[in-house]
Amino acid sequence: MKNLNLEYFRVVEPIDLMKMPTKVEVDIDDEKKEKKLNKVRNKMSELQDTMYAHNRYGVLICLQGMDTSGKDSLIREVFKEMNPRGVVVHSFKTPNSTELEHDYLWRHYIALPERGKFSVFNRTHYENVLVTRVHPEYILNENLPGIEKVEDIKEEFWEKRFDQMNNFEKHITENGTIVLKFFLHLSKEEQRERLLRRLEEGKHNWKFSPGDLKERDEWDDYQKFYQEAINKSSKAHAPWFVVPADDKELARYIVGKIILNEMEKYTDIKNPELEEEIKANIKLYIDKLS
């Protein structure tokens, strides 16, 4: 674990997902992984308190991954020590009727974090260049000018979407939102085993949907489009991290540690100084309360 180089997971040049590992071998058991994650959680909680008092930055954590990649449990375990008022989780599913009356980024704009707080996107604005590329007919629901049928959706359409997303992230980072994006990289075999567990363990049956198998049939296309999305949108101001996800406990630690490391780079995040008048009268206030 000491030799786990977290920079390895940052995307700084084009990647080939097929060549990237879905599991990292480390000589440490799950109990020790949990202890290390707990240390990270406690430090994140302290940093959150300082960030809230500083009131200059918000933090946007974006999580993407195939079904069963562990997004929900990761959110629960990584952020469990933080003040729940300071962490808001948004799970973006199929757009509802109100959302479809706006442009596709609208629902993501209004879910951005307030200053001093974290927003976690469980599935993100990138769904608009992932699931919609596997199922381009979904775009027709947006009632866009000039798009009457699937054949109207040309390659230039997707290029514009990538430009819009990059501009969106550039805009919010320039206005105080720290953006960190994580792809939980799961193997197809591990997904198969996790889906089987959902079916075989009664308490997890509710998580299974026949639609999971339909989407699994599109595995290769999803991998292709994930790769393209990551390569086109990993920027210095809004980086992607590809995290091996076959080992859930290790993936949680890696994500938590990366978040902590990236946040610690913002050395200007400090508790605000008291006004000089208050400083000068602290003893007086203490005497009044004694």
Protein backbone atom coordinates (compact mmCIF):
# COMPACT_ATOMS: atom_id res chain seq x y z
CA MET A 1 0.00 0.00 0.00
CA LYS A 2 2.90 2.37 0.71
CA ASN A 3 3.97 2.02 -2.92
CA LEU A 4 0.53 2.77 -4.35
CA ASN A 5 1.20 5.70 -6.68
CA LEU A 6 -2.05 7.63 -6.88
CA GLU A 7 -0.83 9.68 -9.84
CA TYR A 8 -0.95 6.47 -11.88
CA PHE A 9 -4.75 6.74 -11.91
CA ARG A 10 -4.85 10.31 -13.24
CA VAL A 11 -5.54 10.57 -16.98
CA VAL A 12 -2.95 12.92 -18.50
CA GLU A 13 -2.72 11.39 -21.96
CA PRO A 14 -5.02 9.24 -24.12
CA ILE A 15 -5.83 5.91 -22.51
CA ASP A 16 -6.83 2.48 -23.80
CA LEU A 17 -9.33 1.09 -21.30
CA MET A 18 -8.76 -2.45 -22.55
CA LYS A 19 -5.16 -2.21 -21.34
CA MET A 20 -5.92 -0.66 -17.97
CA PRO A 21 -6.22 -2.94 -14.92
CA THR A 22 -9.50 -3.44 -13.13
CA LYS A 23 -7.69 -4.73 -10.05
CA VAL A 24 -4.49 -3.79 -8.25
CA GLU A 25 -2.68 -6.41 -6.22
CA VAL A 26 -1.68 -5.13 -2.77
CA ASP A 27 -0.39 -7.10 0.20
CA ILE A 28 -2.97 -5.85 2.66
CA ASP A 29 -6.23 -7.30 3.95
CA ASP A 30 -9.65 -5.64 3.96
CA GLU A 31 -9.43 -4.72 7.65
CA LYS A 32 -6.27 -2.66 7.07
CA LYS A 33 -7.79 -1.07 3.99
CA GLU A 34 -10.69 0.03 6.16
CA LYS A 35 -8.33 1.48 8.78
CA LYS A 36 -6.47 3.46 6.14
CA LEU A 37 -9.73 4.72 4.67
CA ASN A 38 -10.88 5.75 8.14
CA LYS A 39 -7.80 7.95 8.54
CA VAL A 40 -8.56 9.55 5.19
CA ARG A 41 -12.21 10.09 6.17
CA ASN A 42 -11.24 11.85 9.39
CA LYS A 43 -8.84 14.17 7.57
CA MET A 44 -11.50 14.90 4.94
CA SER A 45 -13.93 15.81 7.71
CA GLU A 46 -11.44 18.27 9.22
CA LEU A 47 -10.74 19.77 5.82
CA GLN A 48 -14.46 20.13 5.15
CA ASP A 49 -14.88 22.15 8.34
CA THR A 50 -12.08 24.48 7.28
CA MET A 51 -13.44 24.74 3.74
CA TYR A 52 -16.88 25.66 5.09
CA ALA A 53 -15.40 28.42 7.24
CA HIS A 54 -13.21 29.63 4.35
CA ASN A 55 -16.30 29.84 2.10
CA ARG A 56 -14.49 30.29 -1.22
CA TYR A 57 -14.65 26.86 -2.89
CA GLY A 58 -17.23 24.19 -3.59
CA VAL A 59 -16.18 20.65 -4.54
CA LEU A 60 -17.83 18.57 -7.26
CA ILE A 61 -17.10 14.84 -7.20
CA CYS A 62 -18.22 13.02 -10.36
CA LEU A 63 -18.63 9.24 -10.28
CA GLN A 64 -19.16 7.12 -13.38
CA GLY A 65 -19.01 3.37 -13.91
CA MET A 66 -20.87 0.41 -15.28
CA ASP A 67 -23.75 -1.09 -13.30
CA THR A 68 -22.50 -2.73 -10.06
CA SER A 69 -19.19 -0.84 -10.12
CA GLY A 70 -19.79 0.21 -6.52
CA LYS A 71 -20.74 3.89 -6.77
CA ASP A 72 -23.41 3.84 -4.06
CA SER A 73 -21.36 1.99 -1.47
CA LEU A 74 -18.33 4.13 -2.26
CA ILE A 75 -20.31 7.29 -1.54
CA ARG A 76 -21.56 5.83 1.73
CA GLU A 77 -18.12 4.73 2.91
CA VAL A 78 -15.91 7.59 1.70
CA PHE A 79 -18.09 10.46 2.98
CA LYS A 80 -19.52 8.90 6.14
CA GLU A 81 -17.46 11.01 8.59
CA MET A 82 -18.29 14.32 6.94
CA ASN A 83 -21.01 16.66 8.12
CA PRO A 84 -24.10 15.48 6.17
CA ARG A 85 -25.21 19.10 5.75
CA GLY A 86 -22.04 19.70 3.78
CA VAL A 87 -22.33 16.80 1.33
CA VAL A 88 -25.21 16.59 -1.14
CA VAL A 89 -25.53 13.52 -3.37
CA HIS A 90 -27.36 13.74 -6.69
CA SER A 91 -28.27 10.58 -8.59
CA PHE A 92 -29.05 11.48 -12.18
CA LYS A 93 -31.46 9.05 -13.76
CA THR A 94 -33.59 9.38 -16.90
CA PRO A 95 -34.51 13.08 -17.28
CA ASN A 96 -38.02 13.87 -16.11
CA SER A 97 -40.53 16.05 -17.96
CA THR A 98 -39.39 19.24 -16.24
CA GLU A 99 -35.74 18.57 -16.97
CA LEU A 100 -36.49 17.86 -20.61
CA GLU A 101 -37.95 21.34 -20.93
CA HIS A 102 -34.43 22.71 -20.39
CA ASP A 103 -31.07 22.08 -22.01
CA TYR A 104 -29.35 18.88 -20.92
CA LEU A 105 -26.87 20.63 -18.59
CA TRP A 106 -29.54 22.58 -16.69
CA ARG A 107 -30.22 19.90 -14.07
CA HIS A 108 -26.49 19.63 -13.41
CA TYR A 109 -26.00 23.39 -13.06
CA ILE A 110 -28.66 23.64 -10.37
CA ALA A 111 -27.07 20.74 -8.47
CA LEU A 112 -23.62 22.34 -8.23
CA PRO A 113 -22.20 22.70 -4.71
CA GLU A 114 -22.59 25.86 -2.68
CA ARG A 115 -19.37 27.43 -1.48
CA GLY A 116 -17.99 25.45 1.42
CA LYS A 117 -19.84 22.26 0.45
CA PHE A 118 -19.44 19.08 -1.59
CA SER A 119 -21.75 17.81 -4.30
CA VAL A 120 -21.43 14.20 -5.43
CA PHE A 121 -22.83 13.32 -8.83
CA ASN A 122 -23.72 9.62 -8.90
CA ARG A 123 -23.79 9.34 -12.67
CA THR A 124 -23.14 12.71 -14.19
CA HIS A 125 -23.51 15.03 -17.16
CA TYR A 126 -21.37 12.49 -19.05
CA GLU A 127 -24.40 10.23 -19.32
CA ASN A 128 -25.35 12.61 -22.14
CA VAL A 129 -22.46 11.29 -24.23
CA LEU A 130 -22.54 7.71 -22.93
CA VAL A 131 -26.00 6.17 -22.66
CA THR A 132 -27.24 8.48 -25.41
CA ARG A 133 -24.57 7.21 -27.77
CA VAL A 134 -25.50 3.61 -27.07
CA HIS A 135 -29.17 4.59 -27.38
CA PRO A 136 -29.21 7.71 -29.62
CA GLU A 137 -33.01 7.59 -29.80
CA TYR A 138 -33.02 9.10 -26.29
CA ILE A 139 -31.80 12.38 -27.80
CA LEU A 140 -35.15 12.75 -29.58
CA ASN A 141 -36.79 13.32 -26.17
CA GLU A 142 -34.87 16.61 -25.89
CA ASN A 143 -36.85 18.21 -28.76
CA LEU A 144 -33.77 19.85 -30.21
CA PRO A 145 -33.95 22.08 -33.29
CA GLY A 146 -32.97 20.20 -36.42
CA ILE A 147 -33.10 16.77 -34.73
CA GLU A 148 -36.21 14.99 -35.96
CA LYS A 149 -34.85 11.44 -36.22
CA VAL A 150 -31.79 9.44 -35.17
CA GLU A 151 -30.24 9.90 -38.60
CA ASP A 152 -30.04 13.64 -37.92
CA ILE A 153 -27.54 13.02 -35.11
CA LYS A 154 -24.17 13.32 -36.81
CA GLU A 155 -20.65 13.01 -35.37
CA GLU A 156 -20.47 16.81 -35.15
CA PHE A 157 -23.33 16.70 -32.66
CA TRP A 158 -21.25 14.69 -30.20
CA GLU A 159 -18.17 16.86 -30.75
CA LYS A 160 -20.24 19.90 -29.83
CA ARG A 161 -21.44 18.17 -26.67
CA PHE A 162 -17.87 17.49 -25.59
CA ASP A 163 -17.02 21.13 -26.24
CA GLN A 164 -20.03 22.23 -24.19
CA MET A 165 -19.09 19.95 -21.28
CA ASN A 166 -15.49 21.12 -21.31
CA ASN A 167 -16.67 24.72 -21.36
CA PHE A 168 -19.12 23.98 -18.53
CA GLU A 169 -16.33 22.59 -16.36
CA LYS A 170 -13.93 25.37 -17.29
CA HIS A 171 -16.52 27.96 -16.33
CA ILE A 172 -17.34 26.48 -12.93
CA THR A 173 -13.70 25.85 -11.98
CA GLU A 174 -12.86 29.47 -12.81
CA ASN A 175 -15.63 30.46 -10.41
CA GLY A 176 -14.54 28.43 -7.40
CA THR A 177 -15.73 24.85 -7.99
CA ILE A 178 -13.09 22.15 -7.67
CA VAL A 179 -13.93 19.30 -10.08
CA LEU A 180 -12.66 15.73 -9.66
CA LYS A 181 -13.98 12.94 -11.91
CA PHE A 182 -13.69 9.21 -11.22
CA PHE A 183 -14.37 6.27 -13.52
CA LEU A 184 -14.74 3.03 -11.55
CA HIS A 185 -13.17 0.55 -13.94
CA LEU A 186 -14.89 -2.82 -13.51
CA SER A 187 -14.21 -6.06 -15.38
CA LYS A 188 -17.04 -7.77 -17.20
CA GLU A 189 -16.45 -10.97 -15.20
CA GLU A 190 -16.65 -9.12 -11.87
CA GLN A 191 -19.90 -7.49 -13.00
CA ARG A 192 -21.29 -10.94 -13.83
CA GLU A 193 -20.48 -12.17 -10.31
CA ARG A 194 -22.02 -9.12 -8.69
CA LEU A 195 -25.21 -9.45 -10.73
CA LEU A 196 -25.42 -13.10 -9.73
CA ARG A 197 -25.08 -12.15 -6.07
CA ARG A 198 -27.99 -9.74 -6.47
CA LEU A 199 -30.12 -12.59 -7.73
CA GLU A 200 -28.91 -15.21 -5.26
CA GLU A 201 -28.99 -13.10 -2.08
CA GLY A 202 -32.57 -12.28 -1.20
CA LYS A 203 -31.81 -8.99 0.52
CA HIS A 204 -30.23 -7.67 -2.69
CA ASN A 205 -32.91 -8.87 -5.13
CA TRP A 206 -34.46 -5.42 -5.25
CA LYS A 207 -31.29 -4.04 -6.89
CA PHE A 208 -31.65 -6.28 -9.92
CA SER A 209 -33.49 -5.26 -13.06
CA PRO A 210 -33.75 -7.23 -16.31
CA GLY A 211 -32.57 -4.01 -17.92
CA ASP A 212 -29.17 -4.64 -16.31
CA LEU A 213 -28.70 -7.60 -18.63
CA LYS A 214 -29.79 -5.61 -21.66
CA GLU A 215 -27.19 -2.93 -20.91
CA ARG A 216 -24.59 -5.61 -20.24
CA ASP A 217 -25.07 -6.78 -23.84
CA GLU A 218 -23.83 -3.33 -24.87
CA TRP A 219 -20.63 -3.68 -22.82
CA ASP A 220 -18.18 -3.13 -25.68
CA ASP A 221 -19.95 -0.01 -26.89
CA TYR A 222 -20.04 1.44 -23.39
CA GLN A 223 -16.31 0.81 -22.96
CA LYS A 224 -15.60 2.51 -26.28
CA PHE A 225 -17.67 5.56 -25.42
CA TYR A 226 -16.31 5.79 -21.88
CA GLN A 227 -12.80 5.76 -23.29
CA GLU A 228 -13.63 8.49 -25.77
CA ALA A 229 -15.36 10.65 -23.15
CA ILE A 230 -12.46 10.36 -20.72
CA ASN A 231 -9.87 11.11 -23.39
CA LYS A 232 -11.74 14.16 -24.66
CA SER A 233 -12.45 15.69 -21.26
CA SER A 234 -9.62 14.98 -18.83
CA LYS A 235 -8.15 18.43 -18.26
CA ALA A 236 -5.76 19.86 -15.70
CA HIS A 237 -8.61 21.86 -14.15
CA ALA A 238 -11.06 18.91 -14.24
CA PRO A 239 -9.10 15.64 -14.31
CA TRP A 240 -10.38 12.11 -14.72
CA PHE A 241 -9.04 9.30 -12.56
CA VAL A 242 -9.52 5.70 -13.74
CA VAL A 243 -9.81 3.61 -10.56
CA PRO A 244 -9.67 -0.21 -10.62
CA ALA A 245 -13.02 -1.28 -9.16
CA ASP A 246 -12.94 -5.08 -8.89
CA ASP A 247 -11.80 -4.65 -5.27
CA LYS A 248 -14.42 -2.39 -3.69
CA GLU A 249 -12.52 -1.72 -0.47
CA LEU A 250 -9.37 -0.68 -2.29
CA ALA A 251 -11.32 1.47 -4.77
CA ARG A 252 -12.90 3.38 -1.89
CA TYR A 253 -9.52 4.05 -0.33
CA ILE A 254 -8.02 5.19 -3.64
CA VAL A 255 -10.88 7.61 -4.34
CA GLY A 256 -10.85 8.99 -0.81
CA LYS A 257 -7.09 9.43 -0.77
CA ILE A 258 -7.09 11.16 -4.17
CA ILE A 259 -9.81 13.58 -3.04
CA LEU A 260 -7.84 14.38 0.13
CA ASN A 261 -4.56 14.82 -1.75
CA GLU A 262 -6.14 17.10 -4.35
CA MET A 263 -7.85 19.21 -1.72
CA GLU A 264 -4.64 19.63 0.26
CA LYS A 265 -3.09 21.31 -2.78
CA TYR A 266 -5.34 24.31 -2.13
CA THR A 267 -3.13 25.87 0.52
CA ASP A 268 -5.26 29.00 0.60
CA ILE A 269 -8.08 27.07 2.29
CA LYS A 270 -7.69 28.25 5.87
CA ASN A 271 -9.86 29.31 8.76
CA PRO A 272 -10.64 33.02 8.45
CA GLU A 273 -8.83 35.48 10.70
CA LEU A 274 -10.84 37.20 13.41
CA GLU A 275 -11.43 40.91 13.03
CA GLU A 276 -8.86 42.98 14.91
CA GLU A 277 -11.49 44.46 17.23
CA ILE A 278 -12.68 40.97 18.25
CA LYS A 279 -9.09 39.79 18.75
CA ALA A 280 -8.34 42.76 20.96
CA ASN A 281 -11.37 42.09 23.15
CA ILE A 282 -11.22 38.28 23.53
CA LYS A 283 -10.22 38.57 27.21
CA LEU A 284 -13.15 40.91 27.80
CA TYR A 285 -15.59 38.45 26.21
CA ILE A 286 -14.17 35.59 28.28
CA ASP A 287 -14.56 37.63 31.48
CA LYS A 288 -18.19 38.37 30.61
CA LEU A 289 -18.91 34.68 30.11
CA SER A 290 -17.04 33.51 33.22
